Amino acid sequence: MVKFKIGYLSTIYHTSFILKSKENGFLDGIDQDLEWTLYPTGPAMMDAYRTGTIDLGYIGLPPVMIGLDKGLNLKCVAGGHVEGTLMISSDSFKSFKELGSVKDVLKQFEGGTIGTPASGCIHDVIIRNLIQDLDISVINYPWADFIPDAIAGGEIQAGVGTPSLSTVARRQFKSKIIIPPHQLWPYNPSYAIVVQESLIKRGPDFIKGFLKAHEAACNFIREKPKKAAEIAAAELGNIDVDFVLETYKISPKYCASLPSAYIDSTLDFIPVLKSLGYLKNNLKLEDVFNLEFIQEVHPQPSHYDLLPDYQSLEK
């Protein structure tokens, strides 16, 4: 039996935690040996792509574009979630809701420091783009889990990362979301399913089968959030169901498709990556995406804006 190697992150709203579980059976139709490996960040996963350690991964697209610029042969074959970056701080700072603009929120931190995960990850790129003309420093942490402690300890004044960051921080100290996901970078491609180009040739049926399961798991998170949260919490092992549910609710835009808004938002990163020194060359749509598989698996309109009603869904 052929083994396919999958890389995933600790981001709890990724479908990896649903698909890894044997409880739901979404992958039962895939008669393959799957090897799952956890990575701390997207840039760390890029090293795994570079060495051929993984065939398929869950990853934000800016690190992928940086890898493509350096000669890696990868393609994004599906989405998963949009608007997965937010900014948190303590109650002593005012939020976007109070000030009405991202720039005014960020000006509060001039002379200070903001923490974010690894250099080149989507969170790092978004915040560095926004503060280019401000006197604000950025510290990159190898694990996002270090950021709440750094805020509480006064090492940094704010943090940028996934919705999970907000949930962790709220439980550790009196924190709040000061810039919500849709204000930092609308429709940003918080994660995608990215494969080695060689897998497209040797495993097209596997890719199609995996994407069908991935879309089913996206729908599952949206339609049965409590059950999905129970499975994800059990898979990760060190969090509770309420933590997962709270994280789901912060940015609930889940789907496997690649609509034009997702693609356009991704391509908008190219000049930003170049201005920040992460890219040397221009990339085109066909350099980043292979739409063949998702157009077959998910021909209908995307579900990103089909938001769950958590008041009426299964509790």
Protein backbone atom coordinates (compact mmCIF):
# COMPACT_ATOMS: atom_id res chain seq x y z
CA MET A 1 0.00 0.00 0.00
CA VAL A 2 1.29 3.45 -0.93
CA LYS A 3 1.97 5.76 2.02
CA PHE A 4 0.97 9.42 1.80
CA LYS A 5 2.60 11.80 4.28
CA ILE A 6 0.52 14.69 5.63
CA GLY A 7 1.78 17.70 7.56
CA TYR A 8 -0.50 19.64 9.88
CA LEU A 9 -0.39 22.43 12.47
CA SER A 10 -1.82 22.72 15.97
CA THR A 11 -4.45 25.18 14.69
CA ILE A 12 -7.56 23.64 16.19
CA TYR A 13 -10.08 24.70 13.54
CA HIS A 14 -8.21 22.95 10.72
CA THR A 15 -9.99 19.82 9.48
CA SER A 16 -6.87 17.77 10.20
CA PHE A 17 -8.17 17.03 13.71
CA ILE A 18 -11.50 15.82 12.34
CA LEU A 19 -9.96 13.70 9.58
CA LYS A 20 -7.28 12.15 11.81
CA SER A 21 -9.93 10.83 14.16
CA LYS A 22 -11.27 7.34 13.48
CA GLU A 23 -14.60 8.31 15.03
CA ASN A 24 -16.23 10.06 12.07
CA GLY A 25 -15.09 7.94 9.11
CA PHE A 26 -14.62 10.78 6.64
CA LEU A 27 -11.46 9.10 5.29
CA ASP A 28 -12.83 5.56 5.28
CA GLY A 29 -13.11 5.57 1.48
CA ILE A 30 -9.41 6.28 1.05
CA ASP A 31 -7.61 2.95 0.91
CA GLN A 32 -4.18 4.38 1.66
CA ASP A 33 -1.65 4.42 4.45
CA LEU A 34 -1.62 7.96 5.88
CA GLU A 35 1.20 9.28 8.04
CA TRP A 36 0.39 12.49 9.95
CA THR A 37 3.15 14.77 11.31
CA LEU A 38 2.63 17.86 13.48
CA TYR A 39 4.69 21.01 12.76
CA PRO A 40 4.97 24.15 14.94
CA THR A 41 4.56 26.71 12.13
CA GLY A 42 4.03 27.07 8.40
CA PRO A 43 7.70 27.95 7.74
CA ALA A 44 8.72 24.78 9.62
CA MET A 45 6.40 22.81 7.37
CA MET A 46 8.06 24.39 4.34
CA ASP A 47 11.29 22.70 5.38
CA ALA A 48 9.40 19.39 5.29
CA TYR A 49 8.19 20.11 1.75
CA ARG A 50 11.75 21.01 0.77
CA THR A 51 13.13 17.68 1.99
CA GLY A 52 10.22 15.65 0.62
CA THR A 53 9.15 14.66 4.14
CA ILE A 54 5.49 15.42 3.38
CA ASP A 55 3.28 15.09 0.30
CA LEU A 56 0.36 17.24 1.44
CA GLY A 57 -0.01 19.88 4.13
CA TYR A 58 -2.30 22.31 5.94
CA ILE A 59 -0.59 25.67 5.65
CA GLY A 60 -1.09 29.42 5.14
CA LEU A 61 -0.19 30.55 1.63
CA PRO A 62 2.46 33.28 2.22
CA PRO A 63 5.07 30.68 3.32
CA VAL A 64 4.13 28.62 0.27
CA MET A 65 4.64 31.60 -2.04
CA ILE A 66 8.03 32.22 -0.44
CA GLY A 67 8.90 28.57 -1.11
CA LEU A 68 7.71 28.80 -4.71
CA ASP A 69 9.94 31.83 -5.19
CA LYS A 70 12.86 29.69 -4.04
CA GLY A 71 12.11 26.93 -6.53
CA LEU A 72 9.86 24.50 -4.68
CA ASN A 73 7.31 22.63 -6.80
CA LEU A 74 4.06 23.01 -4.85
CA LYS A 75 0.44 23.77 -5.67
CA CYS A 76 -2.53 24.90 -3.61
CA VAL A 77 -5.38 22.52 -4.48
CA ALA A 78 -8.02 23.64 -1.93
CA GLY A 79 -8.88 26.22 0.68
CA GLY A 80 -10.14 25.57 4.19
CA HIS A 81 -10.70 28.81 6.08
CA VAL A 82 -10.44 32.56 5.56
CA GLU A 83 -9.77 35.45 7.94
CA GLY A 84 -7.78 33.54 10.53
CA THR A 85 -5.55 36.37 11.78
CA LEU A 86 -6.44 38.72 14.63
CA MET A 87 -4.72 41.00 17.10
CA ILE A 88 -5.08 40.83 20.87
CA SER A 89 -3.91 42.91 23.80
CA SER A 90 -4.81 43.77 27.35
CA ASP A 91 -7.82 45.84 28.37
CA SER A 92 -5.59 48.88 28.77
CA PHE A 93 -5.56 49.41 24.99
CA LYS A 94 -8.51 50.48 22.85
CA SER A 95 -9.99 48.25 20.18
CA PHE A 96 -11.03 48.76 16.57
CA LYS A 97 -14.63 48.94 17.77
CA GLU A 98 -13.69 51.88 20.00
CA LEU A 99 -11.36 53.74 17.62
CA GLY A 100 -12.85 52.93 14.21
CA SER A 101 -9.63 52.33 12.26
CA VAL A 102 -6.78 49.82 12.15
CA LYS A 103 -4.20 52.60 11.93
CA ASP A 104 -5.48 54.28 15.10
CA VAL A 105 -5.36 50.99 16.97
CA LEU A 106 -1.78 50.34 15.86
CA LYS A 107 -0.62 53.87 16.75
CA GLN A 108 -1.18 52.97 20.41
CA PHE A 109 1.79 50.60 20.15
CA GLU A 110 4.37 53.02 18.73
CA GLY A 111 7.59 52.60 20.64
CA GLY A 112 6.46 49.13 21.70
CA THR A 113 6.56 45.55 20.46
CA ILE A 114 4.06 43.15 18.93
CA GLY A 115 4.52 39.39 19.01
CA THR A 116 3.64 36.99 16.21
CA PRO A 117 4.57 33.46 15.13
CA ALA A 118 7.50 32.61 12.84
CA SER A 119 8.92 34.99 10.26
CA GLY A 120 7.20 34.56 6.91
CA CYS A 121 3.98 33.06 8.28
CA ILE A 122 0.73 34.74 7.29
CA HIS A 123 0.35 36.52 10.66
CA ASP A 124 3.88 37.90 10.49
CA VAL A 125 3.39 39.17 6.93
CA ILE A 126 0.06 40.84 7.70
CA ILE A 127 1.27 42.74 10.75
CA ARG A 128 4.61 43.77 9.20
CA ASN A 129 2.73 45.16 6.22
CA LEU A 130 0.46 47.22 8.46
CA ILE A 131 3.23 48.75 10.60
CA GLN A 132 5.72 49.63 7.85
CA ASP A 133 5.43 53.38 8.57
CA LEU A 134 5.11 53.06 12.35
CA ASP A 135 7.74 52.79 15.09
CA ILE A 136 6.75 49.32 16.23
CA SER A 137 9.01 46.28 16.67
CA VAL A 138 8.01 42.68 15.98
CA ILE A 139 9.19 39.60 17.85
CA ASN A 140 8.68 36.23 16.17
CA TYR A 141 7.99 33.26 18.44
CA PRO A 142 8.55 29.62 17.44
CA TRP A 143 5.18 28.68 18.99
CA ALA A 144 2.16 31.00 19.19
CA ASP A 145 1.51 29.65 22.70
CA PHE A 146 4.40 31.81 23.96
CA ILE A 147 2.64 35.04 22.98
CA PRO A 148 0.03 35.31 25.81
CA ASP A 149 2.75 34.78 28.43
CA ALA A 150 4.87 37.45 26.76
CA ILE A 151 1.99 39.94 26.89
CA ALA A 152 1.18 39.11 30.50
CA GLY A 153 4.86 39.44 31.41
CA GLY A 154 5.28 42.80 29.68
CA GLU A 155 7.76 41.56 27.05
CA ILE A 156 5.35 42.64 24.30
CA GLN A 157 2.24 44.80 24.31
CA ALA A 158 0.11 42.89 21.78
CA GLY A 159 0.01 39.69 19.80
CA VAL A 160 -1.08 38.67 16.30
CA GLY A 161 -2.10 35.12 15.45
CA THR A 162 -4.99 32.70 15.00
CA PRO A 163 -8.35 32.77 16.83
CA SER A 164 -6.89 30.21 19.24
CA LEU A 165 -4.50 32.90 20.46
CA SER A 166 -7.45 34.96 21.66
CA THR A 167 -9.00 31.99 23.43
CA VAL A 168 -5.75 31.11 25.22
CA ALA A 169 -5.10 34.73 26.24
CA ARG A 170 -8.63 35.26 27.56
CA ARG A 171 -8.14 32.33 29.90
CA GLN A 172 -4.74 33.58 31.13
CA PHE A 173 -5.37 37.28 31.73
CA LYS A 174 -7.84 40.09 31.03
CA SER A 175 -7.40 40.36 27.28
CA LYS A 176 -9.51 41.26 24.27
CA ILE A 177 -9.48 41.18 20.48
CA ILE A 178 -8.43 44.68 19.48
CA ILE A 179 -8.45 44.11 15.70
CA PRO A 180 -10.87 41.40 14.48
CA PRO A 181 -9.98 39.05 11.60
CA HIS A 182 -12.05 40.73 8.90
CA GLN A 183 -10.40 44.10 9.57
CA LEU A 184 -6.76 43.00 9.43
CA TRP A 185 -6.93 41.51 5.92
CA PRO A 186 -10.38 40.68 4.48
CA TYR A 187 -10.75 37.15 3.05
CA ASN A 188 -7.12 36.34 3.76
CA PRO A 189 -6.29 32.68 3.03
CA SER A 190 -5.61 31.56 6.59
CA TYR A 191 -4.91 28.04 5.44
CA ALA A 192 -4.98 25.88 2.35
CA ILE A 193 -4.34 22.31 1.28
CA VAL A 194 -0.99 22.36 -0.53
CA VAL A 195 0.59 19.39 -2.29
CA GLN A 196 3.87 18.51 -3.91
CA GLU A 197 3.47 18.73 -7.70
CA SER A 198 4.75 15.16 -7.91
CA LEU A 199 1.68 14.03 -5.94
CA ILE A 200 -0.59 15.45 -8.65
CA LYS A 201 0.97 12.99 -11.08
CA ARG A 202 1.25 9.93 -8.84
CA GLY A 203 -1.81 10.35 -6.62
CA PRO A 204 -4.63 12.26 -8.35
CA ASP A 205 -7.30 9.91 -6.99
CA PHE A 206 -5.93 10.32 -3.48
CA ILE A 207 -6.08 14.13 -3.80
CA LYS A 208 -9.70 14.01 -4.97
CA GLY A 209 -10.68 11.62 -2.20
CA PHE A 210 -8.89 13.70 0.42
CA LEU A 211 -10.54 16.92 -0.76
CA LYS A 212 -13.99 15.32 -0.60
CA ALA A 213 -13.28 14.34 3.00
CA HIS A 214 -11.83 17.77 3.75
CA GLU A 215 -14.96 19.52 2.45
CA ALA A 216 -17.17 17.15 4.45
CA ALA A 217 -15.16 18.02 7.56
CA CYS A 218 -15.48 21.77 6.85
CA ASN A 219 -19.25 21.33 6.66
CA PHE A 220 -19.18 19.24 9.83
CA ILE A 221 -17.43 22.03 11.78
CA ARG A 222 -19.99 24.53 10.53
CA GLU A 223 -23.10 22.36 10.94
CA LYS A 224 -22.29 20.31 14.06
CA PRO A 225 -19.82 22.47 15.98
CA LYS A 226 -20.17 20.76 19.34
CA LYS A 227 -19.58 17.29 17.94
CA ALA A 228 -16.67 18.60 15.86
CA ALA A 229 -15.25 20.31 18.95
CA GLU A 230 -15.47 17.08 20.94
CA ILE A 231 -13.52 15.21 18.27
CA ALA A 232 -10.90 17.95 17.88
CA ALA A 233 -10.39 18.29 21.64
CA ALA A 234 -9.95 14.53 21.99
CA GLU A 235 -7.43 14.47 19.15
CA LEU A 236 -5.30 17.31 20.52
CA GLY A 237 -5.67 16.02 24.06
CA ASN A 238 -4.71 19.07 26.12
CA ILE A 239 -7.75 21.33 25.63
CA ASP A 240 -11.44 21.17 26.46
CA VAL A 241 -14.50 21.27 24.23
CA ASP A 242 -15.48 24.80 25.28
CA PHE A 243 -12.04 26.05 24.19
CA VAL A 244 -12.57 24.62 20.69
CA LEU A 245 -16.13 25.97 20.44
CA GLU A 246 -15.02 29.45 21.48
CA THR A 247 -12.27 29.35 18.84
CA TYR A 248 -14.67 28.16 16.15
CA LYS A 249 -16.96 31.12 16.83
CA ILE A 250 -14.31 33.84 16.53
CA SER A 251 -13.77 33.36 12.79
CA PRO A 252 -16.31 30.83 11.47
CA LYS A 253 -15.60 30.93 7.71
CA TYR A 254 -14.96 27.32 6.67
CA CYS A 255 -14.96 25.75 3.19
CA ALA A 256 -12.68 23.74 0.90
CA SER A 257 -13.36 25.77 -2.25
CA LEU A 258 -11.17 28.34 -3.96
CA PRO A 259 -13.49 31.19 -5.03
CA SER A 260 -12.19 34.28 -6.77
CA ALA A 261 -12.21 36.27 -3.51
CA TYR A 262 -9.85 33.71 -1.93
CA ILE A 263 -7.56 33.69 -4.95
CA ASP A 264 -7.52 37.49 -5.31
CA SER A 265 -6.76 37.96 -1.62
CA THR A 266 -3.88 35.49 -1.93
CA LEU A 267 -2.40 37.23 -4.98
CA ASP A 268 -2.63 40.56 -3.13
CA PHE A 269 0.10 39.21 -0.83
CA ILE A 270 2.63 39.16 -3.69
CA PRO A 271 3.55 42.89 -3.72
CA VAL A 272 3.52 42.89 0.09
CA LEU A 273 5.89 39.92 0.26
CA LYS A 274 8.17 41.67 -2.24
CA SER A 275 8.14 44.95 -0.30
CA LEU A 276 9.02 43.10 2.91
CA GLY A 277 11.91 41.30 1.20
CA TYR A 278 10.35 37.83 1.32
CA LEU A 279 9.92 37.49 -2.47
CA LYS A 280 12.23 38.39 -5.34
CA ASN A 281 9.99 37.49 -8.27
CA ASN A 282 6.39 37.98 -9.26
CA LEU A 283 4.09 34.97 -9.07
CA LYS A 284 1.03 34.33 -11.19
CA LEU A 285 -2.19 32.52 -10.34
CA GLU A 286 -1.03 29.36 -12.10
CA ASP A 287 2.22 29.38 -10.11
CA VAL A 288 0.30 29.12 -6.83
CA PHE A 289 -2.92 27.25 -7.63
CA ASN A 290 -4.06 24.08 -9.35
CA LEU A 291 -7.85 24.44 -9.55
CA GLU A 292 -8.56 21.18 -11.36
CA PHE A 293 -9.30 19.04 -8.32
CA ILE A 294 -11.40 21.45 -6.29
CA GLN A 295 -13.49 22.44 -9.31
CA GLU A 296 -14.40 18.78 -9.70
CA VAL A 297 -14.94 18.12 -6.00
CA HIS A 298 -16.65 21.43 -5.14
CA PRO A 299 -18.25 22.94 -8.30
CA GLN A 300 -20.98 24.74 -6.34
CA PRO A 301 -20.54 28.24 -4.80
CA SER A 302 -18.30 28.45 -1.75
CA HIS A 303 -19.60 28.18 1.81
CA TYR A 304 -17.22 30.67 3.45
CA ASP A 305 -19.99 33.20 3.99
CA LEU A 306 -22.55 30.60 5.06
CA LEU A 307 -22.02 31.28 8.73
CA PRO A 308 -23.21 28.99 11.52
CA ASP A 309 -25.97 30.10 13.86
CA TYR A 310 -24.43 28.97 17.12
CA GLN A 311 -27.58 29.88 19.02
CA SER A 312 -29.71 27.32 17.22
CA LEU A 313 -27.19 24.63 16.27
CA GLU A 314 -26.40 21.58 18.38
CA LYS A 315 -25.04 22.73 21.73
